[in-house]
Amino acid sequence: MTENAATATHTADLLVDIFREVLGLPDLTEDTDFYEAGGDSLTAFQITGRLEEILGVQVPVSLVFAYPTPQDLAEVVDTDYGRP
């Protein structure tokens, strides 16, 4: 596994945990759609707030809406914010 693939996996795992916590769905996976899981604007802000706490950078809430699965969002976060 390349370093980028390992990072993406780590970030996806992190986001799965955040989505599970915020949406209250312990069985949520990296491919679960935010909208189908009952996400709304409040939960999107909670997700980005948790990301900001962990990464130390401001993550626009619009990214949750544009990339609604933890896997898709992880790829964008890694690309745009260089998650180590």
Protein backbone atom coordinates (compact mmCIF):
# COMPACT_ATOMS: atom_id res chain seq x y z
CA MET A 1 0.00 0.00 0.00
CA THR A 2 1.38 3.41 -0.92
CA GLU A 3 1.69 6.16 1.66
CA ASN A 4 -1.18 8.08 0.03
CA ALA A 5 -3.42 4.99 0.08
CA ALA A 6 -2.56 4.41 3.74
CA THR A 7 -3.36 8.03 4.58
CA ALA A 8 -6.65 7.90 2.72
CA THR A 9 -7.59 4.74 4.59
CA HIS A 10 -6.71 6.38 7.89
CA THR A 11 -8.70 9.51 7.08
CA ALA A 12 -11.63 7.40 5.86
CA ASP A 13 -11.56 5.47 9.15
CA LEU A 14 -11.49 8.74 11.07
CA LEU A 15 -14.45 10.04 9.09
CA VAL A 16 -16.41 6.82 9.55
CA ASP A 17 -15.96 7.23 13.31
CA ILE A 18 -17.07 10.87 13.15
CA PHE A 19 -20.09 10.07 10.94
CA ARG A 20 -21.07 7.22 13.30
CA GLU A 21 -20.84 9.48 16.34
CA VAL A 22 -22.67 12.45 14.84
CA LEU A 23 -25.37 10.45 13.05
CA GLY A 24 -25.75 7.89 15.85
CA LEU A 25 -25.32 4.94 13.47
CA PRO A 26 -22.80 2.39 14.78
CA ASP A 27 -23.03 0.24 11.62
CA LEU A 28 -22.24 3.09 9.19
CA THR A 29 -19.50 2.25 6.63
CA GLU A 30 -17.13 4.31 4.50
CA ASP A 31 -19.61 4.05 1.62
CA THR A 32 -22.69 5.18 3.58
CA ASP A 33 -24.28 8.26 2.03
CA PHE A 34 -24.66 11.21 4.42
CA TYR A 35 -28.14 12.05 3.11
CA GLU A 36 -29.42 8.48 3.16
CA ALA A 37 -28.16 8.15 6.74
CA GLY A 38 -30.37 11.08 7.80
CA GLY A 39 -27.75 13.83 7.63
CA ASP A 40 -28.81 17.47 7.56
CA SER A 41 -27.16 20.88 7.83
CA LEU A 42 -26.75 20.62 11.60
CA THR A 43 -25.01 17.25 11.41
CA ALA A 44 -22.84 18.50 8.54
CA PHE A 45 -21.62 21.34 10.77
CA GLN A 46 -20.97 18.85 13.57
CA ILE A 47 -18.88 16.70 11.22
CA THR A 48 -16.77 19.63 10.03
CA GLY A 49 -16.42 20.87 13.60
CA ARG A 50 -15.00 17.51 14.69
CA LEU A 51 -12.67 17.48 11.69
CA GLU A 52 -11.45 20.97 12.57
CA GLU A 53 -10.76 19.87 16.16
CA ILE A 54 -8.74 16.87 14.99
CA LEU A 55 -6.93 18.33 11.96
CA GLY A 56 -6.52 21.90 13.17
CA VAL A 57 -7.77 23.35 9.88
CA GLN A 58 -11.09 24.82 8.84
CA VAL A 59 -12.98 22.37 6.63
CA PRO A 60 -15.87 23.96 4.70
CA VAL A 61 -19.25 22.40 5.48
CA SER A 62 -19.98 22.43 1.74
CA LEU A 63 -17.52 19.54 1.35
CA VAL A 64 -19.82 17.26 3.35
CA PHE A 65 -22.65 18.05 0.94
CA ALA A 66 -20.48 17.71 -2.16
CA TYR A 67 -18.75 14.49 -1.01
CA PRO A 68 -21.40 12.72 1.08
CA THR A 69 -19.62 9.45 1.92
CA PRO A 70 -16.75 9.18 4.40
CA GLN A 71 -14.54 7.67 1.67
CA ASP A 72 -15.20 10.47 -0.84
CA LEU A 73 -14.78 13.15 1.81
CA ALA A 74 -11.53 11.54 3.01
CA GLU A 75 -10.02 11.78 -0.47
CA VAL A 76 -10.83 15.50 -0.67
CA VAL A 77 -9.59 16.21 2.86
CA ASP A 78 -6.31 14.40 2.11
CA THR A 79 -5.87 16.25 -1.18
CA ASP A 80 -6.88 19.72 0.03
CA TYR A 81 -5.47 19.61 3.54
CA GLY A 82 -2.59 17.18 3.22
CA ARG A 83 -3.64 15.02 6.13
CA PRO A 84 -0.45 13.35 7.39
